[in-house]
Amino acid sequence: MPIVLANLAGVFVSITLIGFVLPGPSVFTEKMVLIDAVAAPVYAAVAVLIGVWWGTARGLGALGWALEPETVPTEEQQAAAAAVPRRLVRMQALLWFGGVVVLTLLAGVADPGLIPKVAFGITFSAIVVCASTYLIIEFALRPVTSRVLSARSSRARSGIGVFGRSLLMWLVGSGLPVAGLMVVAVVALTTDDVSITRLAVCVLSLGGAALVIGFLLMTQTLAATVAPISGVRRAMREVERGEFDLTLAVYDGTELGELQSGFNNMVGGLREREEIRDLFGRHVGREVANAALAGKPVLGGAEVEAAALFIDIVGSTTMAATLTAPEMVAILNRFFDVVVDEVEKHGGLLNKFEGDAALAVFGTPAQLSDAAGAALACGRAIRARLDTAGTEFEAAIGIAEGRVVAGNVGARQRYEFTVIGDAVNEAARLCELAKQDSLLLTSAKTVTAAAATEAGHWQLGESVTLRGRLTPTRLARPVQRASTASS
């Protein structure tokens, strides 16, 4: 319907130019009656009908697949769909310039002086209508163009480009009316048939056409240019807010379509990078992953003050022998869900999963002002959650603080972040002893290193020599294990 209206508007402009604006013999004479009343209206009506039938048939033939939302167009269908705007414009141009030939010849037979007037008036409207129709068709076929470009393996440009589109619209909206004014001026200078009144009417009419048609065409052109850019700009704001699960519809066949496609590729890369970062963080810990991504990791480590928390399920060997593998895995997942949650809440790093045991460190790689206090609070919180959850297993926890070496251990092609030192060994031995004791043990040294707010939750006990160690370790236990909670 917009295309039909554009053509009817073109017919009206032609009548106005030929009948009332352009200088030359009048078309409202007895010799022109048959042409004015019969030939011109009949040709216009036939041309509109042929255009509607031909355009609909060609359009449906090339775009029939688009009626099925799930259909992926073949290469032939893609090429045919991309050619629809050009083919429809060529069809319109053929009908319009057929009118130029037929009506100009008929007018020339009646009065040879009408030939330039009729030819220019119809040609002017033909060029304007064809140019505006191209933009209308491009806009209407954006959903189809999006599907075609999405199905293509290459994003090579298929349209005339932004520069070509803008230049075409300038030529039609401004260049053509100005050229018409120049032609009228030449006619006025070379003949005495153009009166000042007629010249003024021509200047005002063609000048007004340049303003109105130029404005309309440039508005269409700018809208077609700005829309993809605005879409990319809005999507970039979403990306800035951390939203990577979005995809722009690529519906422009010019450089702007390449911009949309490039944005999608960029967001796809960012999305994949975030997925890798998330997966990396789940495997090695968020702090380790962030440190690795922030700088180039190297083999080796540094000595730091940190606290280690070792936790192990009591009687796991018997459980493994009496439970099926899926049941055992389900128990471990529930167990580690509590452990990981509390370790992260207290600023620690779950460094290793060792079957039914786990090692968490506090104070490295992310520094903590009170690593010992964070580890002790985490141990009490885990113990409280396991006690209140009614789990079918028990877990023992050992916590120790001291100097450790933290860094990347392994080979250049494969290494991992780990913590080595006496505090780690002591935490493992305390966990082993806790299985026969209160299920949560630490050393007096660790309690002393913690801030007073956390140290107040612990009471010192006897001294024991842990397995594999040479010096005694004074034990410490929570003051009231049944009511402990994270401070």
Protein backbone atom coordinates (compact mmCIF):
# COMPACT_ATOMS: atom_id res chain seq x y z
CA MET A 1 0.00 0.00 0.00
CA PRO A 2 2.75 2.62 0.73
CA ILE A 3 4.26 1.86 -2.69
CA VAL A 4 0.90 2.35 -4.43
CA LEU A 5 0.39 5.65 -2.59
CA ALA A 6 3.90 6.78 -3.58
CA ASN A 7 3.11 6.07 -7.23
CA LEU A 8 -0.24 7.89 -7.06
CA ALA A 9 1.55 10.85 -5.49
CA GLY A 10 4.02 10.73 -8.37
CA VAL A 11 1.15 10.83 -10.86
CA PHE A 12 -0.28 13.89 -9.09
CA VAL A 13 3.13 15.63 -9.19
CA SER A 14 3.45 14.90 -12.91
CA ILE A 15 0.01 16.40 -13.62
CA THR A 16 0.87 19.49 -11.57
CA LEU A 17 4.23 20.03 -13.26
CA ILE A 18 2.97 19.48 -16.82
CA GLY A 19 -0.32 21.27 -16.45
CA PHE A 20 0.48 24.24 -14.24
CA VAL A 21 4.19 24.72 -13.56
CA LEU A 22 6.52 24.05 -16.49
CA PRO A 23 6.66 26.61 -19.31
CA GLY A 24 5.53 25.69 -22.79
CA PRO A 25 2.33 25.02 -24.68
CA SER A 26 -0.75 24.19 -22.62
CA VAL A 27 -1.86 20.57 -22.38
CA PHE A 28 -5.48 21.64 -21.90
CA THR A 29 -6.38 22.06 -25.58
CA GLU A 30 -8.74 20.32 -27.99
CA LYS A 31 -5.83 18.43 -29.53
CA MET A 32 -4.93 17.00 -26.11
CA VAL A 33 -8.44 15.99 -25.01
CA LEU A 34 -8.08 12.33 -25.91
CA ILE A 35 -4.65 12.17 -24.32
CA ASP A 36 -5.72 14.04 -21.17
CA ALA A 37 -9.04 12.25 -20.70
CA VAL A 38 -8.28 8.76 -22.05
CA ALA A 39 -4.68 7.86 -22.82
CA ALA A 40 -3.01 9.23 -19.67
CA PRO A 41 -5.61 7.92 -17.13
CA VAL A 42 -5.80 4.52 -18.86
CA TYR A 43 -2.03 4.12 -18.93
CA ALA A 44 -1.76 5.18 -15.26
CA ALA A 45 -4.49 2.73 -14.21
CA VAL A 46 -3.01 -0.13 -16.24
CA ALA A 47 0.49 0.62 -14.95
CA VAL A 48 -0.72 0.57 -11.32
CA LEU A 49 -2.56 -2.73 -11.84
CA ILE A 50 0.41 -4.30 -13.63
CA GLY A 51 2.74 -3.01 -10.91
CA VAL A 52 0.60 -4.44 -8.12
CA TRP A 53 0.22 -7.82 -9.85
CA TRP A 54 3.80 -8.04 -11.03
CA GLY A 55 5.29 -6.80 -7.76
CA THR A 56 3.12 -9.13 -5.67
CA ALA A 57 3.94 -12.13 -7.85
CA ARG A 58 7.66 -11.41 -7.86
CA GLY A 59 7.67 -10.64 -4.15
CA LEU A 60 5.79 -13.79 -3.15
CA GLY A 61 7.96 -15.86 -5.44
CA ALA A 62 11.13 -14.59 -3.81
CA LEU A 63 9.84 -14.32 -0.23
CA GLY A 64 7.44 -17.24 0.08
CA TRP A 65 9.81 -18.99 2.48
CA ALA A 66 9.54 -16.01 4.89
CA LEU A 67 5.94 -16.95 5.70
CA GLU A 68 7.31 -19.86 7.76
CA PRO A 69 9.02 -18.42 10.86
CA GLU A 70 11.30 -21.44 11.35
CA THR A 71 12.47 -21.74 7.74
CA VAL A 72 16.17 -21.10 7.11
CA PRO A 73 16.57 -19.73 3.58
CA THR A 74 18.86 -21.47 1.13
CA GLU A 75 21.59 -19.57 -0.73
CA GLU A 76 19.29 -19.15 -3.74
CA GLN A 77 16.47 -17.84 -1.53
CA GLN A 78 18.90 -15.47 0.21
CA ALA A 79 20.07 -14.06 -3.10
CA ALA A 80 16.50 -13.70 -4.37
CA ALA A 81 15.34 -11.96 -1.18
CA ALA A 82 18.30 -9.56 -1.24
CA ALA A 83 17.47 -8.64 -4.84
CA VAL A 84 13.77 -7.86 -4.18
CA PRO A 85 14.20 -4.08 -3.61
CA ARG A 86 16.27 -3.66 -6.77
CA ARG A 87 13.92 -5.80 -8.87
CA LEU A 88 10.80 -3.97 -7.70
CA VAL A 89 12.42 -0.59 -8.35
CA ARG A 90 13.49 -1.72 -11.82
CA MET A 91 9.93 -2.89 -12.49
CA GLN A 92 8.57 0.48 -11.40
CA ALA A 93 11.15 2.33 -13.47
CA LEU A 94 10.18 0.28 -16.53
CA LEU A 95 6.48 1.17 -16.11
CA TRP A 96 7.21 4.85 -15.46
CA PHE A 97 9.60 5.28 -18.36
CA GLY A 98 7.18 3.35 -20.53
CA GLY A 99 4.76 6.13 -19.68
CA VAL A 100 7.42 8.70 -20.58
CA VAL A 101 7.78 7.15 -24.06
CA VAL A 102 4.07 6.55 -24.75
CA LEU A 103 2.68 9.84 -23.44
CA THR A 104 5.52 11.94 -24.83
CA LEU A 105 5.02 10.46 -28.31
CA LEU A 106 1.27 11.02 -28.13
CA ALA A 107 1.77 14.61 -26.91
CA GLY A 108 4.36 15.18 -29.66
CA VAL A 109 1.88 14.07 -32.30
CA ALA A 110 -0.63 16.62 -30.98
CA ASP A 111 1.93 19.41 -30.47
CA PRO A 112 5.74 18.94 -30.86
CA GLY A 113 6.31 21.78 -28.41
CA LEU A 114 4.96 19.61 -25.60
CA ILE A 115 7.65 16.92 -25.93
CA PRO A 116 10.26 18.43 -23.50
CA LYS A 117 7.54 19.54 -21.07
CA VAL A 118 5.83 16.14 -20.85
CA ALA A 119 9.11 14.18 -20.86
CA PHE A 120 10.62 16.26 -18.04
CA GLY A 121 7.46 16.26 -15.90
CA ILE A 122 7.01 12.47 -15.99
CA THR A 123 10.76 11.74 -15.69
CA PHE A 124 11.02 13.97 -12.62
CA SER A 125 8.22 12.08 -10.85
CA ALA A 126 9.58 8.71 -11.99
CA ILE A 127 13.00 9.30 -10.46
CA VAL A 128 11.58 10.59 -7.17
CA VAL A 129 9.07 7.73 -6.87
CA CYS A 130 11.64 5.04 -7.66
CA ALA A 131 14.11 6.43 -5.11
CA SER A 132 11.53 6.75 -2.32
CA THR A 133 10.13 3.30 -3.16
CA TYR A 134 13.58 1.77 -2.71
CA LEU A 135 13.72 3.13 0.83
CA ILE A 136 10.15 2.02 1.57
CA ILE A 137 10.87 -1.54 0.40
CA GLU A 138 14.15 -1.70 2.35
CA PHE A 139 12.35 -0.62 5.51
CA ALA A 140 9.43 -3.03 5.00
CA LEU A 141 11.75 -5.99 4.40
CA ARG A 142 13.90 -5.49 7.49
CA PRO A 143 12.58 -8.66 9.24
CA VAL A 144 13.30 -10.68 6.08
CA THR A 145 16.72 -9.06 5.68
CA SER A 146 17.51 -9.97 9.28
CA ARG A 147 16.77 -13.64 8.63
CA VAL A 148 18.75 -13.60 5.38
CA LEU A 149 21.81 -12.03 6.99
CA SER A 150 21.58 -14.41 9.97
CA ALA A 151 21.57 -17.40 7.61
CA ARG A 152 24.57 -16.17 5.63
CA SER A 153 28.00 -17.54 6.46
CA SER A 154 29.49 -14.21 5.35
CA ARG A 155 28.40 -10.71 6.32
CA ALA A 156 29.57 -9.16 3.02
CA ARG A 157 27.68 -6.00 2.07
CA SER A 158 24.88 -6.46 -0.43
CA GLY A 159 23.34 -2.96 -0.55
CA ILE A 160 24.54 0.32 -2.06
CA GLY A 161 26.08 1.39 1.21
CA VAL A 162 25.43 4.37 3.46
CA PHE A 163 27.42 6.74 1.23
CA GLY A 164 25.65 5.58 -1.93
CA ARG A 165 22.24 5.78 -0.27
CA SER A 166 22.87 9.32 1.00
CA LEU A 167 24.24 10.47 -2.35
CA LEU A 168 21.25 9.02 -4.19
CA MET A 169 18.81 10.78 -1.90
CA TRP A 170 20.66 14.09 -2.32
CA LEU A 171 20.57 13.76 -6.09
CA VAL A 172 16.84 13.00 -6.09
CA GLY A 173 15.75 15.38 -3.34
CA SER A 174 17.99 18.35 -4.16
CA GLY A 175 19.97 17.77 -7.35
CA LEU A 176 17.03 16.95 -9.60
CA PRO A 177 14.84 19.96 -8.63
CA VAL A 178 17.83 22.29 -8.95
CA ALA A 179 18.61 20.78 -12.35
CA GLY A 180 14.99 21.44 -13.32
CA LEU A 181 15.35 25.07 -12.28
CA MET A 182 18.49 25.35 -14.40
CA VAL A 183 16.66 23.89 -17.41
CA VAL A 184 13.83 26.40 -16.95
CA ALA A 185 16.39 29.21 -16.69
CA VAL A 186 18.04 28.11 -19.93
CA VAL A 187 14.66 27.98 -21.65
CA ALA A 188 13.82 31.47 -20.35
CA LEU A 189 17.13 32.85 -21.61
CA THR A 190 16.90 31.28 -25.08
CA THR A 191 13.24 31.96 -25.87
CA ASP A 192 10.73 34.71 -25.42
CA ASP A 193 7.89 32.32 -24.53
CA VAL A 194 8.51 32.32 -20.75
CA SER A 195 6.88 35.16 -18.89
CA ILE A 196 8.11 36.49 -15.60
CA THR A 197 5.01 35.08 -13.93
CA ARG A 198 5.59 31.63 -15.39
CA LEU A 199 9.27 31.75 -14.41
CA ALA A 200 8.33 32.71 -10.84
CA VAL A 201 5.83 29.86 -10.67
CA CYS A 202 8.49 27.41 -11.88
CA VAL A 203 11.04 28.65 -9.36
CA LEU A 204 8.57 28.52 -6.48
CA SER A 205 7.23 25.09 -7.46
CA LEU A 206 10.56 23.39 -8.10
CA GLY A 207 12.10 25.14 -5.07
CA GLY A 208 9.21 23.94 -2.92
CA ALA A 209 9.63 20.43 -4.36
CA ALA A 210 13.32 20.52 -3.44
CA LEU A 211 12.44 21.50 0.12
CA VAL A 212 9.59 19.04 0.61
CA ILE A 213 10.92 16.05 -1.33
CA GLY A 214 14.45 16.61 -0.05
CA PHE A 215 13.16 16.75 3.52
CA LEU A 216 11.11 13.57 3.14
CA LEU A 217 13.85 11.59 1.43
CA MET A 218 16.55 12.72 3.85
CA THR A 219 14.25 11.90 6.76
CA GLN A 220 13.85 8.38 5.40
CA THR A 221 17.58 8.08 4.81
CA LEU A 222 18.54 9.36 8.24
CA ALA A 223 15.96 7.11 9.92
CA ALA A 224 17.38 4.09 8.09
CA THR A 225 20.90 5.14 9.12
CA VAL A 226 20.24 6.12 12.73
CA ALA A 227 18.07 3.12 13.69
CA PRO A 228 20.89 0.51 13.58
CA ILE A 229 23.28 2.88 15.35
CA SER A 230 20.74 3.57 18.09
CA GLY A 231 20.19 -0.17 18.52
CA VAL A 232 23.92 -0.74 18.95
CA ARG A 233 24.17 2.16 21.39
CA ARG A 234 21.32 0.82 23.55
CA ALA A 235 22.86 -2.65 23.51
CA MET A 236 26.25 -1.23 24.52
CA ARG A 237 24.64 0.29 27.61
CA GLU A 238 23.35 -3.19 28.50
CA VAL A 239 26.84 -4.62 28.05
CA GLU A 240 28.29 -1.89 30.28
CA ARG A 241 25.86 -3.05 32.99
CA GLY A 242 27.21 -6.59 32.65
CA GLU A 243 24.41 -8.03 30.49
CA PHE A 244 26.04 -10.26 27.85
CA ASP A 245 23.08 -12.47 26.96
CA LEU A 246 21.79 -10.33 24.09
CA THR A 247 21.92 -10.39 20.30
CA LEU A 248 21.09 -7.61 17.87
CA ALA A 249 18.96 -8.32 14.82
CA VAL A 250 21.11 -7.70 11.74
CA TYR A 251 18.68 -6.16 9.26
CA ASP A 252 20.77 -3.66 7.27
CA GLY A 253 22.68 -4.75 4.17
CA THR A 254 25.12 -1.80 4.31
CA GLU A 255 28.10 -1.03 6.54
CA LEU A 256 25.58 -0.60 9.36
CA GLY A 257 24.74 -4.30 9.11
CA GLU A 258 28.44 -5.05 9.47
CA LEU A 259 28.40 -2.85 12.58
CA GLN A 260 25.48 -4.82 14.03
CA SER A 261 27.12 -8.13 13.14
CA GLY A 262 30.45 -6.98 14.59
CA PHE A 263 28.72 -5.99 17.82
CA ASN A 264 27.14 -9.45 18.05
CA ASN A 265 30.55 -11.06 17.51
CA MET A 266 32.07 -8.82 20.19
CA VAL A 267 29.32 -9.64 22.70
CA GLY A 268 29.66 -13.33 21.84
CA GLY A 269 33.37 -13.12 22.65
CA LEU A 270 32.66 -11.29 25.92
CA ARG A 271 29.99 -13.84 26.81
CA GLU A 272 32.38 -16.71 26.12
CA ARG A 273 35.09 -14.94 28.15
CA GLU A 274 32.72 -14.54 31.09
CA GLU A 275 31.70 -18.19 30.84
CA ILE A 276 35.36 -19.22 30.86
CA ARG A 277 36.06 -16.86 33.76
CA ASP A 278 33.12 -18.31 35.69
CA LEU A 279 34.17 -21.88 34.93
CA PHE A 280 37.78 -21.07 35.78
CA GLY A 281 36.67 -19.48 39.05
CA ARG A 282 34.57 -22.52 39.95
CA HIS A 283 37.55 -24.81 39.42
CA VAL A 284 40.33 -22.84 41.09
CA GLY A 285 38.47 -20.24 43.17
CA ARG A 286 37.38 -16.70 42.35
CA GLU A 287 40.38 -15.03 43.95
CA VAL A 288 42.88 -17.26 42.17
CA ALA A 289 41.09 -16.81 38.87
CA ASN A 290 40.99 -13.02 39.22
CA ALA A 291 44.65 -12.91 40.16
CA ALA A 292 45.56 -15.10 37.18
CA LEU A 293 43.52 -12.94 34.77
CA ALA A 294 44.88 -9.70 36.21
CA GLY A 295 48.52 -10.59 35.54
CA LYS A 296 50.73 -13.24 33.99
CA PRO A 297 50.98 -16.14 36.47
CA VAL A 298 54.45 -17.50 37.21
CA LEU A 299 55.71 -20.59 38.95
CA GLY A 300 56.79 -20.16 42.54
CA GLY A 301 55.35 -18.72 45.69
CA ALA A 302 55.74 -16.24 48.50
CA GLU A 303 55.74 -16.66 52.26
CA VAL A 304 52.66 -15.14 53.87
CA GLU A 305 50.76 -15.24 57.14
CA ALA A 306 47.56 -17.25 56.64
CA ALA A 307 45.15 -19.63 58.31
CA ALA A 308 44.20 -23.10 57.06
CA LEU A 309 40.92 -24.93 57.68
CA PHE A 310 40.81 -28.67 57.02
CA ILE A 311 37.47 -30.50 57.06
CA ASP A 312 36.80 -34.20 56.57
CA ILE A 313 33.72 -36.43 56.82
CA VAL A 314 33.89 -38.95 59.70
CA GLY A 315 33.47 -42.57 58.65
CA SER A 316 33.51 -41.90 54.93
CA THR A 317 35.10 -45.27 54.17
CA THR A 318 32.15 -47.10 55.73
CA MET A 319 29.70 -44.80 53.96
CA ALA A 320 31.32 -45.50 50.60
CA ALA A 321 31.06 -49.24 51.22
CA THR A 322 27.37 -49.15 52.22
CA LEU A 323 25.97 -46.49 49.88
CA THR A 324 25.60 -46.46 46.12
CA ALA A 325 27.78 -44.07 44.11
CA PRO A 326 24.90 -41.65 43.34
CA GLU A 327 23.92 -41.55 47.03
CA MET A 328 27.51 -40.85 48.05
CA VAL A 329 27.86 -38.12 45.45
CA ALA A 330 24.60 -36.50 46.64
CA ILE A 331 25.87 -36.48 50.24
CA LEU A 332 29.19 -34.95 49.21
CA ASN A 333 27.46 -32.26 47.16
CA ARG A 334 25.25 -31.25 50.11
CA PHE A 335 28.29 -31.27 52.38
CA PHE A 336 30.48 -29.17 50.09
CA ASP A 337 27.62 -26.78 49.40
CA VAL A 338 27.68 -25.78 53.07
CA VAL A 339 31.48 -25.65 53.18
CA VAL A 340 31.95 -23.54 50.05
CA ASP A 341 29.15 -21.15 51.04
CA GLU A 342 30.63 -20.42 54.46
CA VAL A 343 34.22 -20.21 53.25
CA GLU A 344 33.27 -17.60 50.65
CA LYS A 345 31.14 -15.69 53.16
CA HIS A 346 34.16 -15.37 55.44
CA GLY A 347 36.56 -14.29 52.71
CA GLY A 348 38.44 -17.55 52.32
CA LEU A 349 39.43 -19.70 49.36
CA LEU A 350 38.37 -23.32 49.00
CA ASN A 351 41.75 -24.45 47.72
CA LYS A 352 41.32 -28.21 47.31
CA PHE A 353 38.68 -30.91 47.26
CA GLU A 354 40.22 -34.19 48.37
CA GLY A 355 37.52 -36.82 48.02
CA ASP A 356 35.38 -36.32 51.12
CA ALA A 357 37.70 -33.67 52.56
CA ALA A 358 38.53 -30.07 51.70
CA LEU A 359 41.23 -27.50 52.44
CA ALA A 360 40.34 -23.81 52.78
CA VAL A 361 42.84 -20.99 53.27
CA PHE A 362 42.30 -17.49 54.64
CA GLY A 363 44.63 -14.57 53.98
CA THR A 364 45.90 -15.64 50.55
CA PRO A 365 45.67 -14.87 47.68
CA ALA A 366 43.20 -12.23 48.92
CA GLN A 367 44.55 -10.55 52.02
CA LEU A 368 42.46 -10.43 55.21
CA SER A 369 43.03 -8.16 58.19
CA ASP A 370 42.17 -11.03 60.54
CA ALA A 371 42.81 -14.29 58.69
CA ALA A 372 42.87 -16.37 61.90
CA GLY A 373 39.59 -14.87 63.13
CA ALA A 374 37.92 -15.43 59.72
CA ALA A 375 38.98 -19.09 59.70
CA LEU A 376 37.77 -19.67 63.27
CA ALA A 377 34.42 -17.96 62.59
CA CYS A 378 34.04 -20.01 59.41
CA GLY A 379 34.71 -23.24 61.31
CA ARG A 380 32.06 -22.42 63.90
CA ALA A 381 29.55 -21.45 61.20
CA ILE A 382 30.07 -24.71 59.29
CA ARG A 383 29.78 -26.72 62.49
CA ALA A 384 26.52 -24.93 63.43
CA ARG A 385 24.95 -25.49 60.01
CA LEU A 386 25.87 -29.18 59.93
CA ASP A 387 24.50 -29.64 63.47
CA THR A 388 21.16 -28.00 62.63
CA ALA A 389 20.75 -29.51 59.15
CA GLY A 390 20.15 -33.03 60.44
CA THR A 391 22.65 -34.55 58.00
CA GLU A 392 23.31 -38.29 57.93
CA PHE A 393 27.04 -37.74 58.44
CA GLU A 394 29.46 -35.98 60.77
CA ALA A 395 32.44 -33.85 59.74
CA ALA A 396 35.54 -32.94 61.72
CA ILE A 397 37.29 -29.57 61.36
CA GLY A 398 40.84 -28.53 62.19
CA ILE A 399 42.06 -24.93 62.04
CA ALA A 400 45.63 -23.60 62.30
CA GLU A 401 47.40 -20.29 61.63
CA GLY A 402 51.01 -19.56 60.71
CA ARG A 403 53.53 -18.81 57.97
CA VAL A 404 52.87 -20.65 54.73
CA VAL A 405 54.18 -20.54 51.17
CA ALA A 406 51.42 -19.71 48.69
CA GLY A 407 51.87 -19.77 44.94
CA ASN A 408 51.77 -21.76 41.72
CA VAL A 409 53.26 -25.24 41.91
CA GLY A 410 53.75 -27.60 38.98
CA ALA A 411 55.30 -27.29 35.52
CA ARG A 412 55.16 -24.47 32.96
CA GLN A 413 52.47 -26.27 30.96
CA ARG A 414 50.35 -27.31 33.96
CA TYR A 415 50.31 -25.85 37.45
CA GLU A 416 47.90 -24.95 40.23
CA PHE A 417 47.68 -22.54 43.11
CA THR A 418 48.40 -24.22 46.42
CA VAL A 419 49.44 -23.49 50.00
CA ILE A 420 52.30 -25.36 51.67
CA GLY A 421 53.49 -25.00 55.24
CA ASP A 422 53.33 -26.13 58.84
CA ALA A 423 49.93 -24.48 59.38
CA VAL A 424 48.39 -26.69 56.69
CA ASN A 425 49.89 -29.85 58.21
CA GLU A 426 48.79 -28.81 61.70
CA ALA A 427 45.20 -28.17 60.49
CA ALA A 428 45.10 -31.66 58.95
CA ARG A 429 46.34 -33.27 62.17
CA LEU A 430 43.86 -31.27 64.28
CA CYS A 431 41.05 -32.44 61.97
CA GLU A 432 42.21 -36.02 62.44
CA LEU A 433 42.17 -35.62 66.23
CA ALA A 434 38.79 -33.84 66.15
CA LYS A 435 37.15 -36.99 64.80
CA GLN A 436 37.60 -38.55 68.26
CA ASP A 437 37.07 -35.27 70.13
CA SER A 438 34.63 -32.38 69.72
CA LEU A 439 34.60 -32.35 65.87
CA LEU A 440 36.08 -28.84 65.88
CA LEU A 441 39.60 -28.14 67.14
CA THR A 442 42.16 -25.39 66.76
CA SER A 443 45.37 -24.38 68.45
CA ALA A 444 45.91 -21.84 71.20
CA LYS A 445 48.31 -20.04 68.84
CA THR A 446 45.50 -19.57 66.31
CA VAL A 447 43.10 -18.22 68.95
CA THR A 448 45.77 -15.80 70.16
CA ALA A 449 46.33 -14.55 66.59
CA ALA A 450 42.62 -13.85 66.12
CA ALA A 451 40.90 -10.61 67.06
CA ALA A 452 39.39 -10.46 70.55
CA THR A 453 35.83 -10.56 69.21
CA GLU A 454 36.44 -14.01 67.76
CA ALA A 455 38.89 -15.27 70.41
CA GLY A 456 36.16 -14.85 73.03
CA HIS A 457 34.23 -17.72 71.44
CA TRP A 458 37.01 -20.22 72.23
CA GLN A 459 38.35 -21.81 75.38
CA LEU A 460 41.82 -23.25 75.77
CA GLY A 461 42.36 -26.86 76.73
CA GLU A 462 45.10 -29.41 77.19
CA SER A 463 48.32 -29.77 75.25
CA VAL A 464 48.93 -32.79 72.98
CA THR A 465 51.62 -33.86 70.58
CA LEU A 466 49.99 -34.28 67.20
CA ARG A 467 50.97 -37.17 64.96
CA GLY A 468 54.15 -36.42 63.05
CA ARG A 469 55.00 -33.31 65.08
CA LEU A 470 57.81 -32.84 67.61
CA THR A 471 56.41 -30.14 69.87
CA PRO A 472 53.15 -30.18 71.85
CA THR A 473 50.14 -28.19 70.60
CA ARG A 474 47.73 -26.65 73.06
CA LEU A 475 44.19 -27.30 71.89
CA ALA A 476 41.23 -24.90 71.83
CA ARG A 477 37.54 -25.66 71.43
CA PRO A 478 34.41 -23.53 70.97
CA VAL A 479 32.95 -22.33 74.26
CA GLN A 480 29.48 -23.69 73.52
CA ARG A 481 29.54 -25.83 70.41
CA ALA A 482 25.74 -26.42 70.35
CA SER A 483 24.97 -22.71 70.12
CA THR A 484 27.90 -21.48 68.10
CA ALA A 485 27.22 -19.10 65.31
CA SER A 486 29.26 -17.01 63.00
CA SER A 487 30.25 -13.77 64.67
